[in-house]
N, C-alpha and C. Protein backbone atom coordinates (compact mmCIF):
# COMPACT_ATOMS: atom_id res chain seq x y z
N MET A 1 0.88 -1.19 -0.05
CA MET A 1 0.02 0.01 0.04
C MET A 1 0.89 1.27 0.11
N ARG A 2 0.59 2.19 -0.73
CA ARG A 2 1.27 3.48 -0.88
C ARG A 2 0.46 4.69 -0.41
N GLY A 3 -0.77 4.65 0.04
CA GLY A 3 -1.39 5.67 0.48
C GLY A 3 -2.24 5.40 1.84
N LEU A 4 -2.36 6.36 2.59
CA LEU A 4 -3.28 6.34 3.81
C LEU A 4 -4.21 7.48 3.70
N VAL A 5 -5.54 7.28 3.83
CA VAL A 5 -6.51 8.27 3.78
C VAL A 5 -7.28 8.16 5.15
N LEU A 6 -7.30 9.41 5.75
CA LEU A 6 -8.15 9.26 7.08
C LEU A 6 -9.30 10.21 7.14
N ASP A 7 -10.31 9.87 7.78
CA ASP A 7 -11.37 10.75 8.19
C ASP A 7 -10.80 11.60 9.26
N PHE A 8 -11.37 12.85 9.52
CA PHE A 8 -11.04 13.57 10.67
C PHE A 8 -11.78 13.34 11.99
N GLY A 9 -13.09 13.62 11.90
CA GLY A 9 -13.97 13.44 13.14
C GLY A 9 -14.26 11.99 13.16
N GLY A 10 -13.97 11.47 14.40
CA GLY A 10 -14.22 10.03 14.65
C GLY A 10 -12.98 9.21 14.40
N VAL A 11 -12.00 9.49 13.80
CA VAL A 11 -10.84 8.88 13.60
C VAL A 11 -9.51 9.60 14.28
N LEU A 12 -9.32 10.94 13.96
CA LEU A 12 -8.33 11.74 14.56
C LEU A 12 -8.82 12.52 15.80
N ALA A 13 -10.19 12.87 15.71
CA ALA A 13 -10.73 13.56 16.83
C ALA A 13 -12.07 13.02 17.38
N GLY A 14 -12.42 13.17 18.68
CA GLY A 14 -13.62 12.64 19.12
C GLY A 14 -13.53 11.46 20.06
N PRO A 15 -14.57 11.05 20.56
CA PRO A 15 -14.56 10.10 21.62
C PRO A 15 -14.04 8.65 20.82
N ASP A 16 -13.41 7.68 21.63
CA ASP A 16 -12.88 6.57 21.25
C ASP A 16 -11.84 6.70 20.26
N THR A 17 -11.02 7.66 20.23
CA THR A 17 -9.96 7.81 19.28
C THR A 17 -8.53 7.78 20.15
N ASP A 18 -7.63 7.75 19.44
CA ASP A 18 -6.13 7.90 20.03
C ASP A 18 -5.39 8.80 19.03
N PRO A 19 -5.65 10.07 18.92
CA PRO A 19 -4.79 10.83 18.09
C PRO A 19 -3.39 10.79 18.06
N GLU A 20 -2.86 10.61 19.32
CA GLU A 20 -1.41 10.49 19.36
C GLU A 20 -0.87 9.21 18.69
N ALA A 21 -1.57 8.02 18.91
CA ALA A 21 -1.16 6.88 18.10
C ALA A 21 -1.17 7.04 16.62
N ILE A 22 -2.50 7.47 16.19
CA ILE A 22 -2.51 7.66 14.69
C ILE A 22 -1.56 8.71 14.24
N ALA A 23 -1.25 9.80 15.02
CA ALA A 23 -0.23 10.72 14.50
C ALA A 23 1.15 10.06 14.32
N ALA A 24 1.48 9.10 15.20
CA ALA A 24 2.69 8.46 15.32
C ALA A 24 2.73 7.55 13.86
N VAL A 25 1.65 6.84 13.58
CA VAL A 25 1.69 6.12 12.47
C VAL A 25 1.79 6.83 11.19
N VAL A 26 1.05 8.10 11.09
CA VAL A 26 1.08 8.95 10.07
C VAL A 26 2.42 9.42 9.82
N ALA A 27 3.20 9.90 10.89
CA ALA A 27 4.48 10.33 10.74
C ALA A 27 5.53 9.19 10.29
N GLU A 28 5.30 7.98 10.78
CA GLU A 28 6.18 6.87 10.33
C GLU A 28 5.94 6.60 8.91
N LEU A 29 4.81 6.69 8.44
CA LEU A 29 4.49 6.18 7.10
C LEU A 29 4.96 7.30 6.17
N ARG A 30 4.89 8.49 6.47
CA ARG A 30 5.37 9.61 5.68
C ARG A 30 6.90 9.39 5.64
N ARG A 31 7.57 9.14 6.62
CA ARG A 31 9.06 9.00 6.63
C ARG A 31 9.39 7.79 5.74
N ARG A 32 8.38 6.86 5.44
CA ARG A 32 8.72 5.75 4.70
C ARG A 32 8.25 6.16 3.22
N GLY A 33 7.81 7.19 2.94
CA GLY A 33 7.36 7.51 1.58
C GLY A 33 5.85 7.22 1.18
N VAL A 34 5.20 6.86 2.21
CA VAL A 34 3.67 6.57 1.98
C VAL A 34 3.05 7.99 2.02
N ARG A 35 2.23 8.17 0.98
CA ARG A 35 1.32 9.41 0.84
C ARG A 35 0.25 9.32 1.68
N THR A 36 -0.06 10.46 2.47
CA THR A 36 -1.21 10.50 3.39
C THR A 36 -2.08 11.73 3.27
N ALA A 37 -3.36 11.46 3.69
CA ALA A 37 -4.47 12.42 3.37
C ALA A 37 -5.50 12.48 4.35
N ILE A 38 -6.18 13.50 4.62
CA ILE A 38 -7.35 13.73 5.32
C ILE A 38 -8.51 13.90 4.34
N LEU A 39 -9.49 13.04 4.37
CA LEU A 39 -10.75 13.31 3.54
C LEU A 39 -11.90 13.31 4.44
N SER A 40 -12.42 14.69 4.44
CA SER A 40 -13.54 14.95 5.42
C SER A 40 -14.62 15.58 4.74
N ASN A 41 -15.90 15.22 5.29
CA ASN A 41 -17.16 15.92 4.89
C ASN A 41 -17.44 17.22 5.52
N ASP A 42 -16.32 17.83 5.96
CA ASP A 42 -16.27 19.26 6.53
C ASP A 42 -16.88 20.18 5.37
N PRO A 43 -17.80 21.11 5.75
CA PRO A 43 -18.31 22.06 4.85
C PRO A 43 -17.40 23.15 4.24
N GLY A 44 -16.12 23.14 4.77
CA GLY A 44 -15.19 24.06 4.14
C GLY A 44 -15.41 25.49 4.75
N GLY A 45 -15.02 26.47 3.84
CA GLY A 45 -15.17 27.77 4.30
C GLY A 45 -14.03 28.30 5.04
N PRO A 46 -14.11 29.57 5.56
CA PRO A 46 -13.04 30.13 6.29
C PRO A 46 -12.72 29.54 7.60
N HIS A 47 -13.80 28.94 8.25
CA HIS A 47 -13.53 28.36 9.63
C HIS A 47 -12.62 27.02 9.50
N ALA A 48 -12.63 26.61 8.32
CA ALA A 48 -11.82 25.20 8.11
C ALA A 48 -10.45 25.53 7.79
N GLN A 49 -9.95 26.62 7.78
CA GLN A 49 -8.46 26.78 7.34
C GLN A 49 -7.61 26.05 8.25
N TRP A 50 -7.78 25.94 9.53
CA TRP A 50 -6.91 25.21 10.46
C TRP A 50 -6.80 23.77 10.07
N LEU A 51 -7.96 23.24 9.36
CA LEU A 51 -7.88 21.77 8.78
C LEU A 51 -7.13 21.74 7.66
N ARG A 52 -7.29 22.65 6.83
CA ARG A 52 -6.53 22.79 5.57
C ARG A 52 -5.00 22.92 5.80
N ASP A 53 -4.73 23.58 6.94
CA ASP A 53 -3.27 23.84 7.27
C ASP A 53 -2.64 22.62 7.68
N LEU A 54 -3.25 21.51 7.89
CA LEU A 54 -2.63 20.21 8.17
C LEU A 54 -1.94 19.66 6.99
N ALA A 55 -2.28 20.08 5.75
CA ALA A 55 -1.60 19.53 4.68
C ALA A 55 -0.06 20.15 4.53
N GLY A 56 0.77 19.26 4.56
CA GLY A 56 2.13 19.64 4.59
C GLY A 56 2.85 19.44 5.61
N THR A 57 2.21 19.58 6.80
CA THR A 57 2.80 19.46 8.16
C THR A 57 2.30 17.98 8.77
N PHE A 58 1.03 17.68 8.80
CA PHE A 58 0.53 16.51 9.34
C PHE A 58 0.41 15.42 8.37
N VAL A 59 -0.19 15.71 7.16
CA VAL A 59 -0.52 14.87 6.13
C VAL A 59 -0.02 15.65 4.87
N ASP A 60 -0.03 14.81 3.90
CA ASP A 60 0.36 15.50 2.46
C ASP A 60 -0.71 16.27 1.83
N GLU A 61 -2.06 15.82 2.03
CA GLU A 61 -3.11 16.40 1.37
C GLU A 61 -4.36 16.46 2.45
N VAL A 62 -5.12 17.50 2.22
CA VAL A 62 -6.50 17.62 2.88
C VAL A 62 -7.44 17.95 1.98
N VAL A 63 -8.48 17.08 1.89
CA VAL A 63 -9.66 17.24 0.84
C VAL A 63 -10.84 17.38 1.89
N LEU A 64 -11.58 18.72 1.61
CA LEU A 64 -12.84 18.91 2.34
C LEU A 64 -13.94 18.83 1.23
N SER A 65 -15.12 18.10 1.68
CA SER A 65 -16.17 18.11 0.68
C SER A 65 -16.58 19.60 0.34
N GLY A 66 -16.75 20.23 1.24
CA GLY A 66 -17.25 21.72 1.00
C GLY A 66 -16.47 22.36 -0.02
N ASP A 67 -15.16 22.10 -0.04
CA ASP A 67 -14.22 22.81 -1.00
C ASP A 67 -14.35 22.15 -2.33
N VAL A 68 -14.48 20.90 -2.41
CA VAL A 68 -14.43 20.22 -3.74
C VAL A 68 -15.80 19.88 -4.37
N GLY A 69 -16.90 20.08 -3.45
CA GLY A 69 -18.26 19.75 -3.91
C GLY A 69 -18.65 18.38 -4.20
N VAL A 70 -18.01 17.44 -3.55
CA VAL A 70 -18.41 15.96 -3.46
C VAL A 70 -18.07 15.45 -2.10
N ALA A 71 -18.93 14.56 -1.55
CA ALA A 71 -18.81 14.08 -0.17
C ALA A 71 -18.73 12.65 -0.22
N LYS A 72 -18.09 12.10 0.72
CA LYS A 72 -18.28 10.60 1.08
C LYS A 72 -19.70 10.28 1.46
N PRO A 73 -20.00 9.13 1.14
CA PRO A 73 -19.45 8.05 0.54
C PRO A 73 -19.43 7.96 -0.97
N ASP A 74 -19.62 9.14 -1.75
CA ASP A 74 -19.58 9.17 -3.20
C ASP A 74 -18.18 8.62 -3.66
N ALA A 75 -18.09 7.82 -4.69
CA ALA A 75 -16.88 7.29 -5.21
C ALA A 75 -15.98 8.35 -5.76
N GLU A 76 -16.52 9.37 -6.32
CA GLU A 76 -15.82 10.45 -6.74
C GLU A 76 -14.84 11.12 -5.62
N SER A 77 -15.32 11.14 -4.43
CA SER A 77 -14.39 11.78 -3.25
C SER A 77 -13.19 10.80 -3.08
N PHE A 78 -13.38 9.59 -3.14
CA PHE A 78 -12.15 8.73 -2.91
C PHE A 78 -11.39 8.68 -4.21
N ARG A 79 -11.88 8.78 -5.40
CA ARG A 79 -11.02 8.86 -6.52
C ARG A 79 -10.24 10.29 -6.60
N LEU A 80 -10.96 11.39 -6.09
CA LEU A 80 -10.28 12.55 -6.03
C LEU A 80 -9.15 12.70 -5.08
N VAL A 81 -9.25 12.19 -3.97
CA VAL A 81 -8.11 12.16 -2.90
C VAL A 81 -6.99 11.30 -3.32
N ALA A 82 -7.29 10.22 -3.98
CA ALA A 82 -6.12 9.26 -4.53
C ALA A 82 -5.52 10.02 -5.64
N GLU A 83 -6.28 10.68 -6.46
CA GLU A 83 -5.53 11.54 -7.57
C GLU A 83 -4.66 12.70 -6.84
N ARG A 84 -5.20 13.25 -5.94
CA ARG A 84 -4.34 14.21 -5.25
C ARG A 84 -3.05 13.80 -4.73
N LEU A 85 -3.11 12.47 -4.22
CA LEU A 85 -1.95 11.87 -3.77
C LEU A 85 -0.99 11.25 -4.83
N GLY A 86 -1.46 11.25 -6.17
CA GLY A 86 -0.71 10.79 -7.21
C GLY A 86 -0.75 9.28 -7.26
N LEU A 87 -1.89 8.75 -6.74
CA LEU A 87 -2.12 7.32 -6.57
C LEU A 87 -3.31 6.81 -7.12
N ALA A 88 -3.36 5.46 -7.43
CA ALA A 88 -4.61 4.76 -7.82
C ALA A 88 -5.45 4.55 -6.45
N PRO A 89 -6.76 4.52 -6.49
CA PRO A 89 -7.54 4.01 -5.52
C PRO A 89 -7.02 2.79 -4.71
N SER A 90 -6.64 1.74 -5.52
CA SER A 90 -6.24 0.49 -5.21
C SER A 90 -5.00 0.49 -4.43
N GLU A 91 -4.18 1.62 -4.39
CA GLU A 91 -3.03 1.73 -3.59
C GLU A 91 -3.16 2.48 -2.30
N CYS A 92 -4.39 2.83 -1.94
CA CYS A 92 -4.81 3.45 -0.69
C CYS A 92 -5.61 2.79 0.18
N VAL A 93 -5.23 2.89 1.55
CA VAL A 93 -6.02 2.38 2.69
C VAL A 93 -6.99 3.59 3.17
N PHE A 94 -8.26 3.33 3.40
CA PHE A 94 -8.96 4.57 3.90
C PHE A 94 -9.67 4.16 5.22
N VAL A 95 -9.49 5.05 6.15
CA VAL A 95 -10.00 4.67 7.71
C VAL A 95 -11.08 5.66 7.98
N ASP A 96 -12.19 5.23 8.39
CA ASP A 96 -13.45 6.09 8.76
C ASP A 96 -14.24 5.30 9.91
N ASP A 97 -14.80 6.24 10.78
CA ASP A 97 -15.75 5.47 11.83
C ASP A 97 -17.03 5.09 11.28
N LEU A 98 -17.57 5.70 10.10
CA LEU A 98 -18.89 5.34 9.54
C LEU A 98 -18.68 4.18 8.50
N VAL A 99 -19.38 3.23 8.80
CA VAL A 99 -19.36 2.12 8.02
C VAL A 99 -19.81 2.40 6.59
N GLY A 100 -20.73 3.20 6.18
CA GLY A 100 -21.18 3.62 4.85
C GLY A 100 -19.89 4.30 4.22
N ASN A 101 -19.12 5.05 4.82
CA ASN A 101 -18.01 5.58 4.13
C ASN A 101 -16.96 4.61 3.87
N VAL A 102 -16.73 3.59 4.72
CA VAL A 102 -15.78 2.66 4.54
C VAL A 102 -16.27 1.85 3.22
N ARG A 103 -17.59 1.40 3.13
CA ARG A 103 -18.01 0.75 2.06
C ARG A 103 -17.99 1.45 0.72
N GLY A 104 -18.12 2.86 0.86
CA GLY A 104 -17.97 3.68 -0.32
C GLY A 104 -16.36 3.57 -0.88
N ALA A 105 -15.46 3.75 0.17
CA ALA A 105 -14.17 3.61 -0.36
C ALA A 105 -13.87 2.27 -0.93
N VAL A 106 -14.20 1.13 -0.46
CA VAL A 106 -14.02 -0.13 -0.98
C VAL A 106 -14.69 -0.25 -2.31
N ALA A 107 -15.88 0.44 -2.43
CA ALA A 107 -16.42 0.33 -3.85
C ALA A 107 -15.65 1.08 -4.83
N ALA A 108 -15.00 2.05 -4.36
CA ALA A 108 -14.06 2.89 -5.33
C ALA A 108 -12.84 2.14 -5.59
N GLY A 109 -12.44 1.19 -4.96
CA GLY A 109 -11.17 0.44 -5.08
C GLY A 109 -10.28 0.49 -3.96
N MET A 110 -10.50 1.28 -2.97
CA MET A 110 -9.56 1.24 -1.70
C MET A 110 -9.78 0.17 -0.87
N VAL A 111 -8.74 -0.06 0.08
CA VAL A 111 -8.84 -0.92 1.02
C VAL A 111 -9.57 -0.19 2.23
N GLY A 112 -10.53 -0.70 2.81
CA GLY A 112 -11.29 -0.05 3.67
C GLY A 112 -11.05 -0.47 5.20
N VAL A 113 -11.01 0.29 6.24
CA VAL A 113 -10.74 -0.15 7.57
C VAL A 113 -11.65 0.89 8.39
N HIS A 114 -12.52 -0.10 9.11
CA HIS A 114 -13.63 0.69 9.93
C HIS A 114 -13.01 0.97 11.31
N HIS A 115 -13.05 2.27 11.74
CA HIS A 115 -12.50 2.64 13.10
C HIS A 115 -13.63 2.42 13.93
N ASP A 116 -13.46 1.38 14.69
CA ASP A 116 -14.46 1.12 15.87
C ASP A 116 -13.83 1.07 17.16
N GLY A 117 -12.61 1.62 17.09
CA GLY A 117 -11.88 1.88 18.30
C GLY A 117 -10.21 1.86 17.87
N PRO A 118 -9.46 2.50 18.63
CA PRO A 118 -8.06 2.72 18.35
C PRO A 118 -7.28 1.39 18.17
N HIS A 119 -7.62 0.61 19.24
CA HIS A 119 -6.85 -0.81 19.23
C HIS A 119 -6.87 -1.51 17.90
N THR A 120 -8.08 -1.75 17.50
CA THR A 120 -8.31 -2.45 16.12
C THR A 120 -7.72 -1.82 14.98
N VAL A 121 -7.79 -0.45 15.00
CA VAL A 121 -7.31 0.35 13.90
C VAL A 121 -5.77 0.25 13.78
N MET A 122 -5.20 0.43 14.77
CA MET A 122 -3.68 0.43 14.88
C MET A 122 -3.31 -1.01 14.52
N ALA A 123 -3.94 -2.00 14.94
CA ALA A 123 -3.42 -3.44 14.68
C ALA A 123 -3.79 -3.61 12.94
N GLU A 124 -4.71 -3.14 12.49
CA GLU A 124 -4.99 -3.27 11.06
C GLU A 124 -3.88 -2.40 10.19
N LEU A 125 -3.65 -1.37 10.72
CA LEU A 125 -2.64 -0.50 9.94
C LEU A 125 -1.24 -1.12 10.02
N ALA A 126 -0.90 -1.72 11.25
CA ALA A 126 0.30 -2.42 11.35
C ALA A 126 0.43 -3.51 10.30
N VAL A 127 -0.63 -4.19 10.04
CA VAL A 127 -0.70 -5.36 9.17
C VAL A 127 -0.51 -4.92 7.79
N LEU A 128 -1.29 -3.93 7.45
CA LEU A 128 -1.39 -3.46 6.03
C LEU A 128 -0.20 -2.85 5.64
N PHE A 129 0.46 -1.98 6.52
CA PHE A 129 1.59 -1.34 6.07
C PHE A 129 2.96 -1.92 6.71
N GLY A 130 2.98 -3.08 7.45
CA GLY A 130 4.06 -3.67 7.87
C GLY A 130 4.84 -2.90 8.90
N ILE A 131 4.11 -2.22 9.67
CA ILE A 131 4.91 -1.23 10.68
C ILE A 131 4.48 -1.59 11.99
N ALA A 132 5.28 -1.15 13.05
CA ALA A 132 4.90 -1.12 14.46
C ALA A 132 3.81 0.07 14.45
N ALA A 133 2.65 -0.24 15.07
CA ALA A 133 1.70 0.75 15.02
C ALA A 133 1.62 1.68 16.04
N GLY A 134 2.82 1.66 16.88
CA GLY A 134 2.58 2.67 18.08
C GLY A 134 1.83 2.10 19.18
N ARG A 135 1.51 2.85 19.99
CA ARG A 135 0.81 2.55 21.30
C ARG A 135 -0.60 2.38 21.09
N SER A 136 -1.25 1.12 21.31
CA SER A 136 -2.70 0.97 21.22
C SER A 136 -3.16 0.32 22.55
N GLY A 137 -2.27 0.26 23.42
CA GLY A 137 -2.63 -0.14 24.74
C GLY A 137 -1.44 0.11 25.69
N PRO A 138 -1.62 -0.20 26.95
CA PRO A 138 -0.44 0.13 27.89
C PRO A 138 0.76 -0.84 27.48
N PRO A 139 1.99 -0.35 27.67
CA PRO A 139 3.07 -1.11 27.22
C PRO A 139 3.04 -2.54 27.94
N GLY A 140 3.33 -3.55 27.19
CA GLY A 140 3.22 -4.91 27.80
C GLY A 140 1.78 -5.47 27.88
N SER A 141 0.80 -4.72 27.53
CA SER A 141 -0.58 -5.29 27.58
C SER A 141 -0.77 -6.05 26.28
N GLU A 142 -2.02 -6.68 26.24
CA GLU A 142 -2.44 -7.36 25.02
C GLU A 142 -2.52 -6.40 23.92
N GLY A 143 -2.94 -5.11 24.01
CA GLY A 143 -3.15 -4.19 23.03
C GLY A 143 -1.98 -3.45 22.52
N ASP A 144 -0.89 -3.91 23.18
CA ASP A 144 0.37 -3.08 22.67
C ASP A 144 0.93 -3.85 21.53
N VAL A 145 0.84 -3.07 20.36
CA VAL A 145 1.34 -3.92 19.08
C VAL A 145 2.62 -3.20 18.72
N ARG A 146 3.39 -2.52 19.57
CA ARG A 146 4.93 -2.09 19.16
C ARG A 146 5.66 -3.24 18.97
N GLN A 147 6.68 -2.93 17.98
CA GLN A 147 7.63 -4.15 17.76
C GLN A 147 8.89 -3.91 18.43
């Protein structure tokens, strides 16, 4: 896999998330040359500039539905973010807390990961990208997937 696309709300922010662990994975993948993006159904506008500003610092690209006129789970949104990453959808993993959006990504050709809690997602990303997924539980616990 050459790309990782993340939803913002429910994956990077909100209850039952572990933003520090996801950030560590994103940083490691970017060091390895994996392209990264946020794909959000945010309405855009001036209030979303802070989210756009994550492009280049936290991830490579940020695509907001309000800015591009297409929203998840429309297949075009997934094709657009893959194109912005310079990749085919089949080269990307997409993570979202909404099953319908994950299904939309899969229908567009991406590998979909349903975020139903940080432990599962971190383990899935570790397998898909062949990395240590960072902290997903206390050190030494069953949920600790560090290598």
